[in-house]
Amino acid sequence: MSLIPMLQQADILADLTPAHFELIAAICKEATYQMNELVFAERTKGEYLYIIVDGTVNIELDPSLIGATTETHRVTVATLR
């Protein structure tokens, strides 16, 4: 199955040509994550670009990493759709 239709839905890729989509699709891999599954963690090296095709992703922050001492649990700072 071609990943090009999914890539074409991503706003960040809106100005690309069909040739660019072909090149990107050739190196892409589709992945599915379950609810509450960790996609990547804070302070880890970023190696991938994730495009959300369906569902939502919560961006959570460990308050201790920014010096907050009153919060003891992770805080959602954004929800991506």
N, C-alpha and C. Protein backbone atom coordinates (compact mmCIF):
# COMPACT_ATOMS: atom_id res chain seq x y z
N MET A 1 0.83 -1.18 0.00
CA MET A 1 0.00 0.00 0.00
C MET A 1 0.88 1.25 0.00
N SER A 2 0.52 2.22 -0.77
CA SER A 2 1.28 3.45 -0.87
C SER A 2 1.01 4.34 0.34
N LEU A 3 2.06 4.93 0.86
CA LEU A 3 1.94 5.86 1.98
C LEU A 3 1.71 7.30 1.51
N ILE A 4 1.78 7.52 0.22
CA ILE A 4 1.65 8.87 -0.32
C ILE A 4 0.35 9.55 0.08
N PRO A 5 -0.82 8.90 0.01
CA PRO A 5 -2.04 9.59 0.43
C PRO A 5 -1.99 10.06 1.90
N MET A 6 -1.38 9.26 2.76
CA MET A 6 -1.24 9.67 4.16
C MET A 6 -0.29 10.86 4.29
N LEU A 7 0.80 10.82 3.56
CA LEU A 7 1.77 11.92 3.60
C LEU A 7 1.14 13.21 3.09
N GLN A 8 0.31 13.11 2.09
CA GLN A 8 -0.32 14.30 1.51
C GLN A 8 -1.30 14.98 2.48
N GLN A 9 -1.71 14.28 3.53
CA GLN A 9 -2.60 14.87 4.53
C GLN A 9 -1.84 15.73 5.54
N ALA A 10 -0.55 15.59 5.59
CA ALA A 10 0.25 16.30 6.60
C ALA A 10 0.50 17.74 6.16
N ASP A 11 0.06 18.69 6.97
CA ASP A 11 0.24 20.11 6.64
C ASP A 11 1.70 20.48 6.44
N ILE A 12 2.59 19.88 7.20
CA ILE A 12 4.02 20.21 7.11
C ILE A 12 4.60 19.86 5.74
N LEU A 13 3.94 18.97 5.02
CA LEU A 13 4.42 18.55 3.70
C LEU A 13 3.61 19.16 2.56
N ALA A 14 2.79 20.13 2.84
CA ALA A 14 1.82 20.66 1.88
C ALA A 14 2.43 21.17 0.57
N ASP A 15 3.63 21.72 0.61
CA ASP A 15 4.21 22.35 -0.57
C ASP A 15 5.10 21.43 -1.41
N LEU A 16 5.09 20.15 -1.09
CA LEU A 16 5.97 19.23 -1.82
C LEU A 16 5.40 18.81 -3.16
N THR A 17 6.28 18.45 -4.05
CA THR A 17 5.89 17.99 -5.38
C THR A 17 5.62 16.48 -5.33
N PRO A 18 4.94 15.94 -6.34
CA PRO A 18 4.75 14.50 -6.38
C PRO A 18 6.06 13.71 -6.31
N ALA A 19 7.10 14.24 -6.92
CA ALA A 19 8.41 13.56 -6.87
C ALA A 19 8.95 13.51 -5.44
N HIS A 20 8.75 14.60 -4.69
CA HIS A 20 9.19 14.62 -3.30
C HIS A 20 8.42 13.59 -2.48
N PHE A 21 7.12 13.50 -2.71
CA PHE A 21 6.32 12.51 -1.99
C PHE A 21 6.80 11.10 -2.28
N GLU A 22 7.15 10.83 -3.50
CA GLU A 22 7.68 9.50 -3.87
C GLU A 22 8.96 9.20 -3.10
N LEU A 23 9.85 10.18 -3.03
CA LEU A 23 11.13 9.99 -2.32
C LEU A 23 10.90 9.76 -0.83
N ILE A 24 10.04 10.55 -0.25
CA ILE A 24 9.77 10.40 1.19
C ILE A 24 9.07 9.08 1.47
N ALA A 25 8.10 8.73 0.67
CA ALA A 25 7.38 7.47 0.87
C ALA A 25 8.31 6.26 0.81
N ALA A 26 9.35 6.37 0.01
CA ALA A 26 10.29 5.25 -0.14
C ALA A 26 11.06 4.97 1.15
N ILE A 27 11.17 5.96 2.03
CA ILE A 27 11.92 5.75 3.27
C ILE A 27 11.01 5.74 4.51
N CYS A 28 9.70 5.83 4.31
CA CYS A 28 8.75 5.86 5.42
C CYS A 28 8.36 4.45 5.85
N LYS A 29 7.92 4.40 7.09
CA LYS A 29 7.40 3.16 7.64
C LYS A 29 6.14 3.51 8.43
N GLU A 30 5.07 2.79 8.17
CA GLU A 30 3.84 3.02 8.91
C GLU A 30 3.91 2.30 10.25
N ALA A 31 3.48 2.97 11.30
CA ALA A 31 3.47 2.37 12.63
C ALA A 31 2.15 2.67 13.30
N THR A 32 1.70 1.74 14.12
CA THR A 32 0.47 1.91 14.88
C THR A 32 0.80 1.77 16.35
N TYR A 33 0.23 2.65 17.15
CA TYR A 33 0.47 2.63 18.59
C TYR A 33 -0.85 2.44 19.32
N GLN A 34 -0.80 1.76 20.43
CA GLN A 34 -1.98 1.53 21.26
C GLN A 34 -2.18 2.71 22.21
N MET A 35 -3.39 2.86 22.73
CA MET A 35 -3.68 3.91 23.69
C MET A 35 -2.72 3.80 24.88
N ASN A 36 -2.17 4.93 25.29
CA ASN A 36 -1.24 5.04 26.42
C ASN A 36 0.13 4.42 26.16
N GLU A 37 0.40 4.02 24.94
CA GLU A 37 1.73 3.49 24.60
C GLU A 37 2.70 4.65 24.40
N LEU A 38 3.89 4.52 24.95
CA LEU A 38 4.92 5.55 24.80
C LEU A 38 5.48 5.52 23.39
N VAL A 39 5.48 6.66 22.73
CA VAL A 39 6.03 6.76 21.38
C VAL A 39 7.51 7.14 21.46
N PHE A 40 7.82 8.14 22.28
CA PHE A 40 9.22 8.48 22.58
C PHE A 40 9.24 9.22 23.91
N ALA A 41 10.40 9.27 24.52
CA ALA A 41 10.51 9.86 25.85
C ALA A 41 11.29 11.17 25.82
N GLU A 42 11.06 11.98 26.84
CA GLU A 42 11.80 13.22 27.00
C GLU A 42 13.29 12.93 27.06
N ARG A 43 14.04 13.88 26.53
CA ARG A 43 15.51 13.84 26.58
C ARG A 43 16.11 12.63 25.86
N THR A 44 15.39 12.10 24.90
CA THR A 44 15.96 11.07 24.05
C THR A 44 16.22 11.68 22.69
N LYS A 45 17.18 11.14 22.00
CA LYS A 45 17.54 11.65 20.68
C LYS A 45 16.38 11.45 19.71
N GLY A 46 16.00 12.52 19.03
CA GLY A 46 14.94 12.43 18.04
C GLY A 46 15.50 11.86 16.74
N GLU A 47 14.92 10.78 16.28
CA GLU A 47 15.40 10.14 15.06
C GLU A 47 14.34 10.08 13.96
N TYR A 48 13.10 10.39 14.30
CA TYR A 48 12.02 10.19 13.34
C TYR A 48 11.10 11.41 13.30
N LEU A 49 10.38 11.51 12.22
CA LEU A 49 9.29 12.47 12.09
C LEU A 49 8.01 11.64 12.14
N TYR A 50 7.13 11.97 13.07
CA TYR A 50 5.87 11.25 13.20
C TYR A 50 4.76 12.09 12.60
N ILE A 51 3.92 11.45 11.80
CA ILE A 51 2.75 12.09 11.23
C ILE A 51 1.53 11.36 11.76
N ILE A 52 0.66 12.09 12.43
CA ILE A 52 -0.53 11.48 13.01
C ILE A 52 -1.61 11.45 11.94
N VAL A 53 -2.00 10.25 11.55
CA VAL A 53 -3.01 10.07 10.51
C VAL A 53 -4.39 9.93 11.14
N ASP A 54 -4.45 9.25 12.27
CA ASP A 54 -5.73 9.01 12.93
C ASP A 54 -5.50 8.99 14.44
N GLY A 55 -6.40 9.58 15.18
CA GLY A 55 -6.30 9.57 16.63
C GLY A 55 -5.61 10.82 17.17
N THR A 56 -5.22 10.75 18.43
CA THR A 56 -4.56 11.87 19.09
C THR A 56 -3.34 11.38 19.85
N VAL A 57 -2.43 12.30 20.12
CA VAL A 57 -1.23 12.02 20.89
C VAL A 57 -1.09 13.11 21.94
N ASN A 58 -0.95 12.70 23.19
CA ASN A 58 -0.70 13.66 24.27
C ASN A 58 0.80 13.86 24.42
N ILE A 59 1.20 15.12 24.51
CA ILE A 59 2.59 15.47 24.80
C ILE A 59 2.64 15.72 26.30
N GLU A 60 3.39 14.89 27.00
CA GLU A 60 3.46 14.98 28.45
C GLU A 60 4.84 15.40 28.91
N LEU A 61 4.87 16.09 30.03
CA LEU A 61 6.10 16.64 30.57
C LEU A 61 6.29 16.16 32.00
N ASP A 62 7.51 15.79 32.33
CA ASP A 62 7.88 15.47 33.71
C ASP A 62 8.23 16.80 34.37
N PRO A 63 7.39 17.30 35.28
CA PRO A 63 7.62 18.62 35.87
C PRO A 63 8.99 18.77 36.53
N SER A 64 9.56 17.70 37.03
CA SER A 64 10.86 17.81 37.70
C SER A 64 11.96 18.23 36.73
N LEU A 65 11.77 18.01 35.44
CA LEU A 65 12.79 18.38 34.47
C LEU A 65 12.87 19.88 34.23
N ILE A 66 11.83 20.60 34.65
CA ILE A 66 11.86 22.06 34.51
C ILE A 66 11.90 22.74 35.87
N GLY A 67 12.20 21.97 36.92
CA GLY A 67 12.37 22.55 38.24
C GLY A 67 11.11 22.65 39.08
N ALA A 68 9.99 22.15 38.57
CA ALA A 68 8.75 22.18 39.36
C ALA A 68 8.81 21.05 40.39
N THR A 69 8.63 21.39 41.64
CA THR A 69 8.75 20.38 42.68
C THR A 69 7.43 19.98 43.30
N THR A 70 6.35 20.70 43.02
CA THR A 70 5.07 20.37 43.64
C THR A 70 4.31 19.29 42.88
N GLU A 71 4.50 19.20 41.60
CA GLU A 71 3.82 18.18 40.79
C GLU A 71 4.60 16.87 40.89
N THR A 72 3.88 15.76 41.07
CA THR A 72 4.55 14.46 41.18
C THR A 72 4.21 13.55 40.01
N HIS A 73 3.31 13.96 39.16
CA HIS A 73 2.94 13.14 38.00
C HIS A 73 3.13 13.94 36.72
N ARG A 74 3.17 13.22 35.63
CA ARG A 74 3.37 13.85 34.32
C ARG A 74 2.19 14.77 34.01
N VAL A 75 2.48 15.85 33.31
CA VAL A 75 1.47 16.85 32.96
C VAL A 75 1.34 16.90 31.44
N THR A 76 0.10 16.84 30.95
CA THR A 76 -0.13 16.98 29.51
C THR A 76 -0.04 18.44 29.14
N VAL A 77 0.87 18.77 28.22
CA VAL A 77 1.08 20.16 27.81
C VAL A 77 0.48 20.44 26.43
N ALA A 78 0.16 19.39 25.67
CA ALA A 78 -0.46 19.56 24.36
C ALA A 78 -1.10 18.25 23.92
N THR A 79 -2.11 18.36 23.09
CA THR A 79 -2.71 17.18 22.46
C THR A 79 -2.68 17.42 20.97
N LEU A 80 -2.03 16.52 20.25
CA LEU A 80 -1.90 16.63 18.80
C LEU A 80 -2.92 15.74 18.12
N ARG A 81 -3.48 16.25 17.03
CA ARG A 81 -4.47 15.49 16.26
C ARG A 81 -4.03 15.32 14.84
